[in-house]
Amino acid sequence: MDPETAFPDVAAELAGAGVVSGKMFGHPALKLNGKVFACEFYGAMAFKLGRETTVHAEALLLPGAVLFDPSRQDRPFQDWVEVPAASADQWPMLAQASLDHLVNEAR
């Protein structure tokens, strides 16, 4: 997947599930019912996966993946994983997992 078009492609794939594009910290984000579950951030994508989930642990194993720290001041969001463009081929799966986590969290 081309990192330049990855975010719009992921957004388009999830649009049928009611996902809309918005902003988080001034960056493109994916939302469902007003809640952000993924965002583009300086060429990477961050996903809210839930710190206790298997997919969260697996995402952190991707090369260059880290806990998402939008302030860059060592205050990471524990439920979020930032995945670099080098792993853009994983973004659609992670976006779906993040959406699923959001839906299950709301139940």
Protein backbone atom coordinates (compact mmCIF):
# COMPACT_ATOMS: atom_id res chain seq x y z
CA MET A 1 0.00 0.00 0.00
CA ASP A 2 1.31 3.43 -0.96
CA PRO A 3 1.67 5.55 2.23
CA GLU A 4 0.66 8.67 0.28
CA THR A 5 -2.79 7.28 -0.51
CA ALA A 6 -3.11 4.87 2.40
CA PHE A 7 -5.18 7.11 4.70
CA PRO A 8 -7.79 7.99 2.04
CA ASP A 9 -7.90 4.36 0.93
CA VAL A 10 -8.50 3.15 4.49
CA ALA A 11 -11.16 5.83 5.01
CA ALA A 12 -12.92 4.76 1.82
CA GLU A 13 -12.83 1.08 2.82
CA LEU A 14 -14.50 1.82 6.16
CA ALA A 15 -17.03 4.38 4.91
CA GLY A 16 -19.68 1.69 4.48
CA ALA A 17 -19.51 1.00 8.22
CA GLY A 18 -20.51 4.58 9.03
CA VAL A 19 -16.94 5.83 9.45
CA VAL A 20 -16.34 9.47 8.57
CA SER A 21 -13.19 11.53 8.22
CA GLY A 22 -12.45 14.29 10.69
CA LYS A 23 -9.55 15.81 12.57
CA MET A 24 -7.55 14.96 15.69
CA PHE A 25 -4.83 17.40 16.79
CA GLY A 26 -5.19 18.99 13.33
CA HIS A 27 -4.44 15.72 11.52
CA PRO A 28 -6.79 13.58 9.40
CA ALA A 29 -8.69 11.11 11.57
CA LEU A 30 -11.28 8.36 11.31
CA LYS A 31 -14.39 8.62 13.48
CA LEU A 32 -17.44 6.61 14.29
CA ASN A 33 -20.29 8.34 16.10
CA GLY A 34 -17.99 11.26 16.89
CA LYS A 35 -15.25 9.11 18.46
CA VAL A 36 -11.79 9.00 16.90
CA PHE A 37 -10.26 5.55 16.56
CA ALA A 38 -7.42 6.17 14.08
CA CYS A 39 -5.49 9.12 12.72
CA GLU A 40 -2.75 10.02 10.31
CA PHE A 41 0.16 11.63 12.13
CA TYR A 42 3.19 12.97 10.24
CA GLY A 43 3.22 10.15 7.71
CA ALA A 44 2.39 7.40 10.20
CA MET A 45 -0.99 6.18 11.39
CA ALA A 46 -2.06 5.73 14.98
CA PHE A 47 -4.74 3.26 16.04
CA LYS A 48 -6.68 2.92 19.29
CA LEU A 49 -6.47 -0.82 19.83
CA GLY A 50 -6.82 -1.23 23.59
CA ARG A 51 -3.72 -1.92 25.66
CA GLU A 52 -4.93 -5.37 26.77
CA THR A 53 -5.65 -6.71 23.30
CA THR A 54 -3.57 -9.14 21.28
CA VAL A 55 -3.67 -6.88 18.23
CA HIS A 56 -2.17 -4.03 20.31
CA ALA A 57 0.74 -6.26 21.32
CA GLU A 58 1.18 -7.50 17.75
CA ALA A 59 1.11 -3.95 16.35
CA LEU A 60 3.92 -2.95 18.69
CA LEU A 61 6.04 -5.71 17.15
CA LEU A 62 5.95 -4.04 13.72
CA PRO A 63 9.25 -2.33 12.81
CA GLY A 64 9.26 1.23 14.16
CA ALA A 65 5.88 0.95 15.89
CA VAL A 66 5.58 2.74 19.24
CA LEU A 67 2.94 3.80 21.71
CA PHE A 68 1.32 6.91 20.24
CA ASP A 69 2.67 10.05 21.90
CA PRO A 70 1.20 13.02 20.00
CA SER A 71 2.85 15.56 22.33
CA ARG A 72 6.26 13.92 21.79
CA GLN A 73 6.92 14.61 25.48
CA ASP A 74 7.01 11.03 26.78
CA ARG A 75 3.29 10.94 27.58
CA PRO A 76 2.03 8.14 25.33
CA PHE A 77 -1.57 7.12 24.98
CA GLN A 78 -1.42 3.58 26.34
CA ASP A 79 -4.31 2.26 24.22
CA TRP A 80 -2.88 3.62 20.97
CA VAL A 81 -0.11 2.34 18.67
CA GLU A 82 1.62 4.51 16.06
CA VAL A 83 2.63 2.50 13.00
CA PRO A 84 5.08 4.03 10.50
CA ALA A 85 4.58 4.20 6.75
CA ALA A 86 7.01 1.31 6.30
CA SER A 87 4.16 -0.91 7.55
CA ALA A 88 1.39 0.84 5.61
CA ASP A 89 0.31 -2.54 4.24
CA GLN A 90 -0.89 -3.31 7.80
CA TRP A 91 -2.93 -0.11 8.16
CA PRO A 92 -6.21 -1.43 6.71
CA MET A 93 -6.20 -4.43 9.06
CA LEU A 94 -5.26 -2.26 12.04
CA ALA A 95 -7.93 0.31 11.18
CA GLN A 96 -10.54 -2.47 11.07
CA ALA A 97 -9.28 -3.86 14.40
CA SER A 98 -9.43 -0.37 15.88
CA LEU A 99 -12.98 0.11 14.62
CA ASP A 100 -13.96 -3.28 16.03
CA HIS A 101 -12.42 -2.33 19.39
CA LEU A 102 -14.41 0.91 19.44
CA VAL A 103 -17.66 -0.89 18.64
CA ASN A 104 -17.03 -3.58 21.28
CA GLU A 105 -16.00 -0.96 23.85
CA ALA A 106 -19.36 0.78 23.38
CA ARG A 107 -21.30 -2.40 24.21
